[in-house]
N, C-alpha and C. Protein backbone atom coordinates (compact mmCIF):
# COMPACT_ATOMS: atom_id res chain seq x y z
N MET A 1 107.81 132.49 87.88
CA MET A 1 109.16 131.95 87.98
C MET A 1 109.25 130.87 89.06
N ASN A 2 108.66 131.14 90.23
CA ASN A 2 108.69 130.16 91.31
C ASN A 2 108.06 128.83 90.90
N GLU A 3 106.96 128.92 90.14
CA GLU A 3 106.24 127.71 89.75
C GLU A 3 107.11 126.81 88.85
N LEU A 4 107.80 127.43 87.89
CA LEU A 4 108.67 126.67 86.99
C LEU A 4 109.85 126.07 87.76
N LEU A 5 110.42 126.88 88.64
CA LEU A 5 111.53 126.39 89.46
C LEU A 5 111.09 125.27 90.38
N TRP A 6 109.88 125.38 90.91
CA TRP A 6 109.34 124.33 91.79
C TRP A 6 109.22 123.01 91.04
N PHE A 7 108.70 123.06 89.83
CA PHE A 7 108.56 121.84 89.02
C PHE A 7 109.93 121.23 88.73
N LEU A 8 110.90 122.06 88.35
CA LEU A 8 112.25 121.58 88.09
C LEU A 8 112.87 121.00 89.34
N PHE A 9 112.64 121.64 90.48
CA PHE A 9 113.16 121.19 91.76
C PHE A 9 112.63 119.79 92.10
N ALA A 10 111.34 119.59 91.83
CA ALA A 10 110.73 118.28 92.09
C ALA A 10 111.37 117.20 91.23
N ILE A 11 111.54 117.48 89.94
CA ILE A 11 112.11 116.49 89.03
C ILE A 11 113.54 116.15 89.43
N VAL A 12 114.32 117.16 89.82
CA VAL A 12 115.70 116.93 90.26
C VAL A 12 115.72 115.99 91.47
N ASN A 13 114.83 116.23 92.43
CA ASN A 13 114.75 115.35 93.60
C ASN A 13 114.42 113.92 93.22
N PHE A 14 113.44 113.74 92.33
CA PHE A 14 113.04 112.40 91.92
C PHE A 14 114.17 111.68 91.19
N VAL A 15 114.85 112.39 90.31
CA VAL A 15 115.96 111.79 89.55
C VAL A 15 117.08 111.38 90.51
N LEU A 16 117.36 112.20 91.51
CA LEU A 16 118.40 111.86 92.48
C LEU A 16 118.04 110.62 93.29
N ILE A 17 116.76 110.46 93.60
CA ILE A 17 116.33 109.26 94.34
C ILE A 17 116.54 108.02 93.49
N VAL A 18 116.17 108.09 92.22
CA VAL A 18 116.40 106.96 91.31
C VAL A 18 117.89 106.66 91.22
N ALA A 19 118.71 107.71 91.13
CA ALA A 19 120.16 107.54 91.02
C ALA A 19 120.75 106.89 92.26
N VAL A 20 120.31 107.35 93.44
CA VAL A 20 120.87 106.79 94.68
C VAL A 20 120.44 105.33 94.84
N TYR A 21 119.25 104.98 94.34
CA TYR A 21 118.84 103.58 94.40
C TYR A 21 119.65 102.74 93.41
N ARG A 22 119.86 103.28 92.22
CA ARG A 22 120.64 102.54 91.21
C ARG A 22 122.06 102.30 91.71
N LEU A 23 122.64 103.26 92.40
CA LEU A 23 124.03 103.15 92.85
C LEU A 23 124.18 102.33 94.13
N PHE A 24 123.24 102.51 95.07
CA PHE A 24 123.43 101.94 96.40
C PHE A 24 122.30 101.02 96.86
N GLY A 25 121.27 100.86 96.03
CA GLY A 25 120.18 99.96 96.38
C GLY A 25 119.37 100.43 97.57
N LYS A 26 118.91 99.48 98.35
CA LYS A 26 118.06 99.77 99.51
C LYS A 26 118.76 100.71 100.50
N THR A 27 120.06 100.53 100.67
CA THR A 27 120.82 101.41 101.57
C THR A 27 120.74 102.86 101.12
N GLY A 28 120.77 103.08 99.82
CA GLY A 28 120.67 104.44 99.29
C GLY A 28 119.34 105.08 99.63
N LEU A 29 118.25 104.31 99.56
CA LEU A 29 116.93 104.84 99.90
C LEU A 29 116.83 105.17 101.38
N LEU A 30 117.42 104.33 102.22
CA LEU A 30 117.42 104.59 103.66
C LEU A 30 118.24 105.84 103.97
N ALA A 31 119.35 106.02 103.25
CA ALA A 31 120.16 107.23 103.43
C ALA A 31 119.38 108.47 103.01
N TRP A 32 118.59 108.36 101.94
CA TRP A 32 117.79 109.49 101.49
C TRP A 32 116.76 109.89 102.55
N ILE A 33 116.17 108.89 103.21
CA ILE A 33 115.21 109.19 104.28
C ILE A 33 115.87 110.02 105.37
N ALA A 34 117.07 109.61 105.79
CA ALA A 34 117.78 110.34 106.84
C ALA A 34 118.09 111.76 106.39
N MET A 35 118.62 111.90 105.18
CA MET A 35 118.94 113.23 104.66
C MET A 35 117.68 114.06 104.44
N GLY A 36 116.66 113.44 103.89
CA GLY A 36 115.44 114.15 103.52
C GLY A 36 114.69 114.71 104.71
N THR A 37 114.68 114.00 105.82
CA THR A 37 113.97 114.51 107.00
C THR A 37 114.65 115.77 107.52
N VAL A 38 115.98 115.80 107.46
CA VAL A 38 116.71 116.99 107.90
C VAL A 38 116.48 118.15 106.95
N LEU A 39 116.66 117.92 105.65
CA LEU A 39 116.51 118.99 104.67
C LEU A 39 115.08 119.54 104.62
N ALA A 40 114.10 118.66 104.73
CA ALA A 40 112.71 119.10 104.68
C ALA A 40 112.40 120.05 105.83
N ASN A 41 112.95 119.77 106.99
CA ASN A 41 112.67 120.60 108.16
C ASN A 41 113.48 121.89 108.18
N ILE A 42 114.55 121.95 107.40
CA ILE A 42 115.26 123.21 107.21
C ILE A 42 114.53 124.04 106.15
N GLN A 43 114.18 123.40 105.05
CA GLN A 43 113.52 124.12 103.95
C GLN A 43 112.16 124.67 104.35
N VAL A 44 111.47 124.01 105.27
CA VAL A 44 110.12 124.43 105.64
C VAL A 44 110.12 125.79 106.34
N THR A 45 111.30 126.24 106.80
CA THR A 45 111.37 127.56 107.43
C THR A 45 111.32 128.69 106.39
N LYS A 46 111.47 128.34 105.11
CA LYS A 46 111.41 129.36 104.05
C LYS A 46 110.01 129.39 103.46
N THR A 47 109.40 130.58 103.44
CA THR A 47 108.06 130.76 102.90
C THR A 47 108.16 131.38 101.51
N VAL A 48 107.42 130.82 100.56
CA VAL A 48 107.44 131.31 99.18
C VAL A 48 106.01 131.48 98.69
N GLU A 49 105.87 132.11 97.54
CA GLU A 49 104.57 132.23 96.90
C GLU A 49 104.51 131.31 95.70
N LEU A 50 103.50 130.44 95.69
CA LEU A 50 103.29 129.51 94.58
C LEU A 50 101.83 129.59 94.14
N PHE A 51 101.63 129.82 92.85
CA PHE A 51 100.28 129.89 92.30
C PHE A 51 99.41 130.91 93.03
N GLY A 52 100.03 131.99 93.49
CA GLY A 52 99.30 133.06 94.15
C GLY A 52 99.00 132.81 95.60
N LEU A 53 99.52 131.71 96.17
CA LEU A 53 99.25 131.37 97.57
C LEU A 53 100.56 131.25 98.33
N THR A 54 100.46 131.40 99.65
CA THR A 54 101.64 131.26 100.51
C THR A 54 101.92 129.78 100.75
N ALA A 55 103.17 129.39 100.57
CA ALA A 55 103.54 127.98 100.75
C ALA A 55 104.91 127.91 101.42
N THR A 56 105.20 126.77 102.03
CA THR A 56 106.53 126.53 102.58
C THR A 56 107.32 125.69 101.58
N LEU A 57 108.64 125.87 101.60
CA LEU A 57 109.47 125.26 100.57
C LEU A 57 109.70 123.77 100.79
N GLY A 58 109.52 123.28 102.00
CA GLY A 58 109.90 121.90 102.29
C GLY A 58 108.97 120.82 101.78
N ASN A 59 107.89 121.21 101.08
CA ASN A 59 106.89 120.21 100.70
C ASN A 59 107.40 119.17 99.71
N ILE A 60 108.26 119.58 98.79
CA ILE A 60 108.78 118.63 97.81
C ILE A 60 109.67 117.60 98.50
N MET A 61 110.63 118.09 99.28
CA MET A 61 111.53 117.17 99.97
C MET A 61 110.75 116.24 100.91
N TYR A 62 109.76 116.79 101.61
CA TYR A 62 108.97 115.95 102.50
C TYR A 62 108.18 114.92 101.70
N GLY A 63 107.66 115.34 100.53
CA GLY A 63 106.93 114.41 99.68
C GLY A 63 107.78 113.27 99.18
N THR A 64 109.09 113.53 99.00
CA THR A 64 109.97 112.45 98.53
C THR A 64 110.09 111.33 99.55
N LEU A 65 109.87 111.66 100.83
CA LEU A 65 109.95 110.61 101.86
C LEU A 65 108.87 109.56 101.65
N PHE A 66 107.70 110.00 101.19
CA PHE A 66 106.62 109.06 100.90
C PHE A 66 106.92 108.26 99.64
N LEU A 67 107.57 108.90 98.67
CA LEU A 67 108.01 108.18 97.48
C LEU A 67 108.97 107.06 97.87
N VAL A 68 109.90 107.35 98.76
CA VAL A 68 110.89 106.36 99.17
C VAL A 68 110.25 105.23 99.98
N THR A 69 109.41 105.56 100.95
CA THR A 69 108.79 104.49 101.75
C THR A 69 107.84 103.64 100.91
N ASP A 70 107.13 104.25 99.96
CA ASP A 70 106.28 103.48 99.06
C ASP A 70 107.11 102.55 98.18
N SER A 71 108.25 103.04 97.72
CA SER A 71 109.13 102.21 96.89
C SER A 71 109.69 101.04 97.70
N LEU A 72 110.10 101.31 98.93
CA LEU A 72 110.59 100.24 99.80
C LEU A 72 109.49 99.24 100.11
N ASN A 73 108.29 99.75 100.36
CA ASN A 73 107.14 98.90 100.65
C ASN A 73 106.84 97.98 99.47
N GLU A 74 106.93 98.54 98.28
CA GLU A 74 106.61 97.77 97.07
C GLU A 74 107.65 96.69 96.78
N LYS A 75 108.92 97.04 96.93
CA LYS A 75 109.99 96.11 96.54
C LYS A 75 110.45 95.20 97.67
N TYR A 76 110.42 95.70 98.92
CA TYR A 76 111.02 94.95 100.01
C TYR A 76 110.05 94.61 101.13
N GLY A 77 108.84 95.15 101.08
CA GLY A 77 107.84 94.80 102.07
C GLY A 77 107.70 95.82 103.19
N ILE A 78 106.70 95.61 104.03
CA ILE A 78 106.33 96.57 105.06
C ILE A 78 107.40 96.71 106.14
N LYS A 79 108.16 95.65 106.41
CA LYS A 79 109.19 95.71 107.44
C LYS A 79 110.26 96.74 107.09
N GLU A 80 110.70 96.73 105.84
CA GLU A 80 111.73 97.69 105.43
C GLU A 80 111.17 99.11 105.34
N ALA A 81 109.91 99.23 104.94
CA ALA A 81 109.28 100.55 104.89
C ALA A 81 109.21 101.15 106.30
N LYS A 82 108.82 100.34 107.28
CA LYS A 82 108.77 100.83 108.66
C LYS A 82 110.16 101.16 109.17
N ARG A 83 111.14 100.38 108.79
CA ARG A 83 112.52 100.66 109.19
C ARG A 83 112.94 102.05 108.71
N ALA A 84 112.58 102.37 107.48
CA ALA A 84 112.89 103.69 106.93
C ALA A 84 112.20 104.79 107.73
N VAL A 85 110.95 104.56 108.09
CA VAL A 85 110.20 105.55 108.89
C VAL A 85 110.89 105.80 110.22
N TYR A 86 111.33 104.73 110.89
CA TYR A 86 111.97 104.88 112.19
C TYR A 86 113.34 105.56 112.07
N ILE A 87 114.04 105.30 110.97
CA ILE A 87 115.32 105.98 110.73
C ILE A 87 115.09 107.48 110.59
N GLY A 88 114.08 107.86 109.82
CA GLY A 88 113.76 109.28 109.66
C GLY A 88 113.36 109.92 110.97
N PHE A 89 112.59 109.20 111.76
CA PHE A 89 112.13 109.68 113.06
C PHE A 89 113.32 109.95 113.99
N PHE A 90 114.23 108.99 114.06
CA PHE A 90 115.42 109.14 114.91
C PHE A 90 116.30 110.28 114.41
N THR A 91 116.49 110.36 113.10
CA THR A 91 117.35 111.40 112.52
C THR A 91 116.83 112.79 112.85
N LEU A 92 115.52 112.97 112.75
CA LEU A 92 114.92 114.27 113.01
C LEU A 92 115.10 114.68 114.47
N ILE A 93 114.86 113.75 115.38
CA ILE A 93 115.01 114.05 116.81
C ILE A 93 116.47 114.36 117.13
N ALA A 94 117.39 113.56 116.56
CA ALA A 94 118.82 113.79 116.81
C ALA A 94 119.26 115.14 116.28
N MET A 95 118.79 115.52 115.09
CA MET A 95 119.16 116.80 114.50
C MET A 95 118.70 117.96 115.36
N VAL A 96 117.47 117.90 115.83
CA VAL A 96 116.94 118.98 116.67
C VAL A 96 117.75 119.10 117.95
N GLY A 97 117.99 117.99 118.62
CA GLY A 97 118.74 118.02 119.88
C GLY A 97 120.15 118.54 119.70
N ILE A 98 120.84 118.07 118.67
CA ILE A 98 122.22 118.48 118.43
C ILE A 98 122.31 119.96 118.09
N MET A 99 121.40 120.45 117.24
CA MET A 99 121.46 121.85 116.85
C MET A 99 121.05 122.79 117.98
N GLN A 100 120.15 122.35 118.84
CA GLN A 100 119.82 123.19 119.99
C GLN A 100 121.01 123.32 120.93
N MET A 101 121.76 122.24 121.09
CA MET A 101 122.98 122.31 121.91
C MET A 101 124.03 123.18 121.24
N ALA A 102 124.14 123.09 119.92
CA ALA A 102 125.12 123.89 119.18
C ALA A 102 124.85 125.39 119.35
N LEU A 103 123.59 125.77 119.43
CA LEU A 103 123.24 127.19 119.59
C LEU A 103 123.60 127.73 120.97
N LEU A 104 123.81 126.84 121.95
CA LEU A 104 124.15 127.28 123.30
C LEU A 104 125.58 127.80 123.40
N PHE A 105 126.43 127.42 122.45
CA PHE A 105 127.82 127.87 122.48
C PHE A 105 127.89 129.38 122.21
N GLU A 106 128.66 130.07 123.02
CA GLU A 106 128.86 131.50 122.81
C GLU A 106 129.71 131.72 121.56
N PRO A 107 129.21 132.47 120.58
CA PRO A 107 129.98 132.64 119.35
C PRO A 107 131.20 133.54 119.56
N HIS A 108 132.22 133.27 118.76
CA HIS A 108 133.43 134.10 118.78
C HIS A 108 133.09 135.49 118.25
N VAL A 109 133.89 136.47 118.62
CA VAL A 109 133.64 137.84 118.20
C VAL A 109 133.67 137.97 116.68
N ASP A 110 134.43 137.12 115.99
CA ASP A 110 134.52 137.17 114.53
C ASP A 110 133.55 136.22 113.84
N ASP A 111 132.72 135.54 114.61
CA ASP A 111 131.77 134.58 114.03
C ASP A 111 130.73 135.32 113.17
N PHE A 112 130.39 134.69 112.05
CA PHE A 112 129.37 135.29 111.17
C PHE A 112 128.16 134.37 110.97
N ALA A 113 128.22 133.15 111.52
CA ALA A 113 127.18 132.16 111.22
C ALA A 113 126.12 132.02 112.29
N HIS A 114 126.44 132.40 113.54
CA HIS A 114 125.53 132.10 114.65
C HIS A 114 124.13 132.68 114.46
N ASP A 115 124.05 133.95 114.08
CA ASP A 115 122.74 134.58 113.94
C ASP A 115 121.89 133.89 112.88
N SER A 116 122.53 133.49 111.79
CA SER A 116 121.80 132.79 110.73
C SER A 116 121.33 131.42 111.21
N LEU A 117 122.20 130.72 111.90
CA LEU A 117 121.81 129.41 112.45
C LEU A 117 120.69 129.56 113.47
N ALA A 118 120.78 130.60 114.30
CA ALA A 118 119.75 130.83 115.31
C ALA A 118 118.40 131.14 114.65
N THR A 119 118.44 131.87 113.53
CA THR A 119 117.20 132.18 112.81
C THR A 119 116.53 130.92 112.31
N ILE A 120 117.35 130.02 111.75
CA ILE A 120 116.80 128.78 111.18
C ILE A 120 116.42 127.78 112.26
N PHE A 121 117.37 127.52 113.16
CA PHE A 121 117.15 126.43 114.12
C PHE A 121 116.54 126.91 115.43
N GLY A 122 116.43 128.22 115.62
CA GLY A 122 115.81 128.72 116.83
C GLY A 122 114.33 128.40 116.91
N ILE A 123 113.65 128.37 115.74
CA ILE A 123 112.23 128.01 115.72
C ILE A 123 112.04 126.53 115.44
N MET A 124 113.16 125.81 115.30
CA MET A 124 113.07 124.40 114.93
C MET A 124 112.33 123.52 115.95
N PRO A 125 112.44 123.77 117.27
CA PRO A 125 111.73 122.88 118.19
C PRO A 125 110.23 122.81 117.92
N ARG A 126 109.60 123.96 117.65
CA ARG A 126 108.16 123.94 117.37
C ARG A 126 107.87 123.25 116.05
N ILE A 127 108.65 123.58 115.02
CA ILE A 127 108.47 122.93 113.73
C ILE A 127 108.75 121.44 113.87
N ALA A 128 109.79 121.11 114.61
CA ALA A 128 110.15 119.70 114.79
C ALA A 128 109.07 118.94 115.55
N LEU A 129 108.46 119.58 116.56
CA LEU A 129 107.38 118.93 117.29
C LEU A 129 106.24 118.58 116.35
N GLY A 130 105.85 119.55 115.52
CA GLY A 130 104.80 119.28 114.54
C GLY A 130 105.23 118.25 113.54
N SER A 131 106.49 118.35 113.09
CA SER A 131 106.98 117.44 112.07
C SER A 131 107.12 116.01 112.60
N VAL A 132 107.70 115.87 113.79
CA VAL A 132 107.88 114.54 114.38
C VAL A 132 106.54 113.87 114.60
N THR A 133 105.60 114.61 115.16
CA THR A 133 104.28 114.05 115.43
C THR A 133 103.57 113.66 114.15
N ALA A 134 103.57 114.59 113.18
CA ALA A 134 102.90 114.32 111.91
C ALA A 134 103.61 113.22 111.14
N TYR A 135 104.93 113.23 111.18
CA TYR A 135 105.74 112.28 110.42
C TYR A 135 105.46 110.84 110.85
N ILE A 136 105.59 110.57 112.15
CA ILE A 136 105.48 109.19 112.60
C ILE A 136 104.07 108.66 112.43
N ILE A 137 103.06 109.51 112.68
CA ILE A 137 101.68 109.06 112.54
C ILE A 137 101.31 108.85 111.08
N SER A 138 101.61 109.83 110.22
CA SER A 138 101.20 109.74 108.82
C SER A 138 102.00 108.69 108.06
N GLN A 139 103.29 108.55 108.39
CA GLN A 139 104.11 107.57 107.67
C GLN A 139 103.71 106.14 108.01
N ILE A 140 103.48 105.87 109.29
CA ILE A 140 103.03 104.52 109.66
C ILE A 140 101.66 104.23 109.05
N PHE A 141 100.79 105.24 109.05
CA PHE A 141 99.48 105.10 108.39
C PHE A 141 99.66 104.80 106.91
N ASP A 142 100.56 105.53 106.27
CA ASP A 142 100.80 105.34 104.83
C ASP A 142 101.32 103.94 104.54
N VAL A 143 102.26 103.47 105.34
CA VAL A 143 102.85 102.14 105.13
C VAL A 143 101.79 101.05 105.20
N HIS A 144 100.93 101.13 106.21
CA HIS A 144 99.89 100.10 106.36
C HIS A 144 98.80 100.25 105.29
N LEU A 145 98.43 101.48 104.96
CA LEU A 145 97.41 101.68 103.93
C LEU A 145 97.91 101.20 102.58
N PHE A 146 99.17 101.44 102.27
CA PHE A 146 99.76 100.96 101.02
C PHE A 146 99.61 99.45 100.90
N GLN A 147 99.91 98.74 102.00
CA GLN A 147 99.79 97.28 101.97
C GLN A 147 98.35 96.82 101.85
N ARG A 148 97.44 97.55 102.47
CA ARG A 148 96.02 97.16 102.37
C ARG A 148 95.51 97.34 100.95
N ILE A 149 95.92 98.44 100.32
CA ILE A 149 95.52 98.65 98.92
C ILE A 149 96.16 97.59 98.03
N LYS A 150 97.40 97.21 98.35
CA LYS A 150 98.11 96.22 97.54
C LYS A 150 97.43 94.86 97.59
N LYS A 151 96.78 94.54 98.71
CA LYS A 151 96.07 93.26 98.81
C LYS A 151 94.91 93.19 97.84
N VAL A 152 94.34 94.35 97.51
CA VAL A 152 93.20 94.40 96.59
C VAL A 152 93.68 94.65 95.16
N TYR A 153 94.63 95.57 95.01
CA TYR A 153 95.16 95.93 93.69
C TYR A 153 96.66 95.65 93.69
N SER A 154 97.03 94.42 93.36
CA SER A 154 98.41 93.97 93.54
C SER A 154 99.24 93.95 92.26
N SER A 155 98.65 94.22 91.12
CA SER A 155 99.40 94.12 89.87
C SER A 155 100.30 95.33 89.67
N ASP A 156 101.28 95.18 88.77
CA ASP A 156 102.16 96.29 88.45
C ASP A 156 101.39 97.45 87.85
N GLN A 157 100.33 97.15 87.11
CA GLN A 157 99.54 98.18 86.44
C GLN A 157 98.79 99.08 87.43
N THR A 158 98.55 98.56 88.62
CA THR A 158 97.82 99.35 89.62
C THR A 158 98.72 99.91 90.71
N LEU A 159 100.03 99.92 90.44
CA LEU A 159 100.97 100.51 91.41
C LEU A 159 100.64 101.97 91.68
N TYR A 160 100.17 102.66 90.65
CA TYR A 160 99.82 104.08 90.83
C TYR A 160 98.70 104.25 91.85
N LEU A 161 97.78 103.27 91.92
CA LEU A 161 96.70 103.35 92.91
C LEU A 161 97.25 103.23 94.32
N ARG A 162 98.21 102.35 94.50
CA ARG A 162 98.81 102.17 95.82
C ARG A 162 99.60 103.41 96.22
N ASN A 163 100.34 103.95 95.28
CA ASN A 163 101.18 105.11 95.57
C ASN A 163 100.34 106.35 95.84
N ILE A 164 99.46 106.69 94.90
CA ILE A 164 98.67 107.91 95.04
C ILE A 164 97.60 107.75 96.12
N GLY A 165 96.95 106.59 96.15
CA GLY A 165 95.87 106.38 97.11
C GLY A 165 96.33 106.46 98.55
N SER A 166 97.44 105.81 98.86
CA SER A 166 97.93 105.85 100.24
C SER A 166 98.43 107.24 100.60
N THR A 167 99.08 107.90 99.64
CA THR A 167 99.62 109.23 99.89
C THR A 167 98.52 110.26 100.06
N LEU A 168 97.44 110.14 99.30
CA LEU A 168 96.33 111.11 99.35
C LEU A 168 95.80 111.24 100.77
N LEU A 169 95.56 110.12 101.44
CA LEU A 169 95.01 110.15 102.79
C LEU A 169 96.07 110.43 103.85
N SER A 170 97.24 109.83 103.68
CA SER A 170 98.27 110.01 104.70
C SER A 170 98.81 111.45 104.70
N GLN A 171 98.88 112.08 103.53
CA GLN A 171 99.33 113.46 103.48
C GLN A 171 98.29 114.42 104.06
N LEU A 172 97.01 114.09 103.90
CA LEU A 172 95.97 114.90 104.54
C LEU A 172 96.12 114.82 106.05
N LEU A 173 96.32 113.61 106.56
CA LEU A 173 96.53 113.42 107.99
C LEU A 173 97.77 114.18 108.46
N ASP A 174 98.84 114.08 107.70
CA ASP A 174 100.09 114.76 108.02
C ASP A 174 99.89 116.28 108.10
N THR A 175 99.20 116.83 107.11
CA THR A 175 99.01 118.28 107.05
C THR A 175 98.11 118.77 108.17
N LEU A 176 97.08 118.00 108.50
CA LEU A 176 96.17 118.36 109.58
C LEU A 176 96.90 118.43 110.93
N ILE A 177 97.93 117.61 111.08
CA ILE A 177 98.68 117.60 112.33
C ILE A 177 99.77 118.66 112.33
N PHE A 178 100.54 118.72 111.24
CA PHE A 178 101.74 119.55 111.21
C PHE A 178 101.46 121.05 111.19
N VAL A 179 100.61 121.51 110.29
CA VAL A 179 100.43 122.95 110.08
C VAL A 179 99.97 123.68 111.33
N PRO A 180 98.94 123.22 112.04
CA PRO A 180 98.53 123.95 113.26
C PRO A 180 99.62 123.99 114.33
N ILE A 181 100.32 122.87 114.54
CA ILE A 181 101.36 122.85 115.56
C ILE A 181 102.51 123.79 115.20
N ALA A 182 102.91 123.78 113.93
CA ALA A 182 104.09 124.54 113.52
C ALA A 182 103.83 126.02 113.33
N PHE A 183 102.63 126.40 112.88
CA PHE A 183 102.46 127.77 112.39
C PHE A 183 101.37 128.60 113.06
N LEU A 184 100.43 127.96 113.80
CA LEU A 184 99.42 128.77 114.48
C LEU A 184 100.09 129.67 115.52
N GLY A 185 99.82 130.96 115.44
CA GLY A 185 100.44 131.91 116.34
C GLY A 185 101.73 132.50 115.82
N VAL A 186 102.34 131.82 114.83
CA VAL A 186 103.55 132.35 114.19
C VAL A 186 103.17 133.26 113.05
N PHE A 187 102.19 132.82 112.24
CA PHE A 187 101.68 133.60 111.13
C PHE A 187 100.22 133.99 111.41
N PRO A 188 99.71 135.03 110.76
CA PRO A 188 98.27 135.32 110.85
C PRO A 188 97.45 134.11 110.41
N PHE A 189 96.23 134.01 110.95
CA PHE A 189 95.40 132.83 110.71
C PHE A 189 95.15 132.59 109.22
N GLU A 190 94.92 133.68 108.47
CA GLU A 190 94.64 133.50 107.04
C GLU A 190 95.85 132.96 106.30
N VAL A 191 97.06 133.32 106.78
CA VAL A 191 98.28 132.78 106.18
C VAL A 191 98.41 131.29 106.51
N VAL A 192 98.05 130.92 107.73
CA VAL A 192 98.09 129.52 108.13
C VAL A 192 97.14 128.69 107.26
N ILE A 193 95.96 129.24 106.96
CA ILE A 193 95.02 128.55 106.08
C ILE A 193 95.61 128.38 104.69
N ASP A 194 96.26 129.45 104.19
CA ASP A 194 96.94 129.37 102.89
C ASP A 194 98.00 128.27 102.90
N ILE A 195 98.78 128.25 103.96
CA ILE A 195 99.84 127.25 104.07
C ILE A 195 99.25 125.84 104.10
N PHE A 196 98.15 125.68 104.85
CA PHE A 196 97.50 124.36 104.92
C PHE A 196 97.04 123.90 103.53
N LEU A 197 96.34 124.79 102.83
CA LEU A 197 95.80 124.43 101.51
C LEU A 197 96.91 124.15 100.51
N THR A 198 97.88 125.04 100.45
CA THR A 198 98.96 124.85 99.48
C THR A 198 99.81 123.64 99.84
N THR A 199 100.04 123.43 101.14
CA THR A 199 100.83 122.28 101.57
C THR A 199 100.19 120.98 101.09
N TYR A 200 98.89 120.85 101.32
CA TYR A 200 98.22 119.61 100.93
C TYR A 200 98.14 119.47 99.41
N ILE A 201 97.80 120.54 98.73
CA ILE A 201 97.70 120.49 97.27
C ILE A 201 99.05 120.14 96.65
N ILE A 202 100.10 120.81 97.13
CA ILE A 202 101.43 120.55 96.59
C ILE A 202 101.87 119.12 96.87
N LYS A 203 101.56 118.61 98.05
CA LYS A 203 101.92 117.22 98.36
C LYS A 203 101.20 116.24 97.43
N LEU A 204 99.96 116.55 97.08
CA LEU A 204 99.23 115.69 96.15
C LEU A 204 99.84 115.77 94.75
N ILE A 205 100.23 116.98 94.34
CA ILE A 205 100.89 117.13 93.03
C ILE A 205 102.19 116.34 93.01
N VAL A 206 102.94 116.42 94.10
CA VAL A 206 104.19 115.66 94.21
C VAL A 206 103.91 114.16 94.09
N ALA A 207 102.84 113.69 94.73
CA ALA A 207 102.49 112.27 94.68
C ALA A 207 102.18 111.82 93.25
N VAL A 208 101.50 112.67 92.50
CA VAL A 208 101.18 112.35 91.10
C VAL A 208 102.46 112.38 90.26
N LEU A 209 103.27 113.41 90.46
CA LEU A 209 104.50 113.55 89.67
C LEU A 209 105.50 112.43 89.94
N ASP A 210 105.52 111.94 91.19
CA ASP A 210 106.55 110.95 91.51
C ASP A 210 106.17 109.53 91.11
N THR A 211 104.91 109.32 90.70
CA THR A 211 104.45 107.96 90.38
C THR A 211 105.30 107.27 89.31
N PRO A 212 105.64 107.93 88.19
CA PRO A 212 106.51 107.26 87.20
C PRO A 212 107.85 106.82 87.80
N PHE A 213 108.33 107.57 88.78
CA PHE A 213 109.62 107.23 89.39
C PHE A 213 109.50 106.03 90.32
N VAL A 214 108.32 105.83 90.91
CA VAL A 214 108.08 104.61 91.70
C VAL A 214 108.12 103.40 90.78
N TYR A 215 107.49 103.50 89.61
CA TYR A 215 107.55 102.43 88.62
C TYR A 215 109.00 102.17 88.20
N LEU A 216 109.76 103.25 87.99
CA LEU A 216 111.15 103.11 87.56
C LEU A 216 111.99 102.42 88.61
N ILE A 217 111.82 102.81 89.86
CA ILE A 217 112.57 102.17 90.94
C ILE A 217 112.24 100.69 91.04
N LYS A 218 110.97 100.35 90.82
CA LYS A 218 110.58 98.94 90.89
C LYS A 218 111.28 98.10 89.82
N LYS A 219 111.51 98.70 88.66
CA LYS A 219 112.12 97.96 87.55
C LYS A 219 113.64 97.93 87.61
N ILE A 220 114.23 98.90 88.29
CA ILE A 220 115.69 99.03 88.30
C ILE A 220 116.33 97.94 89.18
N LYS A 221 117.44 97.41 88.71
CA LYS A 221 118.25 96.51 89.53
C LYS A 221 119.45 97.31 90.03
N PRO A 222 119.62 97.46 91.35
CA PRO A 222 120.74 98.24 91.88
C PRO A 222 122.09 97.67 91.43
N ALA A 223 123.08 98.54 91.34
CA ALA A 223 124.40 98.16 90.87
C ALA A 223 125.07 97.18 91.83
N ASN A 224 124.72 97.22 93.10
CA ASN A 224 125.39 96.35 94.09
C ASN A 224 124.67 95.03 94.30
N GLN A 225 123.74 94.71 93.42
CA GLN A 225 123.04 93.42 93.54
C GLN A 225 123.30 92.54 92.32
């Protein structure tokens, strides 16, 4: 059941990205980056079983960030792709800081949300440290690698090489940085290995699945242009 829902969840995310680009153009993609960095870091706190292995839920949402930066890189160039990366970086840091301050408030006697928020955002600093470090390094790497591949394979027919090729290496780098920082000592070592393997494999599957949507975004003319 999880596997089918995961596939549907991925498609819904991709369709929403295409829709936000159609409606709002480049601004919509930048807004998705800001939203996606927050949601990915909330979803990653939920552990699920996929294909018999332990995985975190945030992999799809995090993978969409690479879809968006690759789309921006393809249509608007490396400057706009980097701008998106920096927006995501700032949003993530701001979210962590604001929510840590929010948890300092003494809850009212009738409050029902504090414990749930503390469960999610109480471990966020460690996850955020891993995420921020992995995000900025892997995304900048991805942006530059995408452009390097584009210099060699620049046609529309080889867009899939730029998308999948840059993501394949940048997601490996991202996973190598994020998983140990976020989860070593939190979960047993064998679970951390499971998370590492499933995280990388799922990110690669997301990269393959999102490729048609990168082509679609390239062809679409936003409504506000």
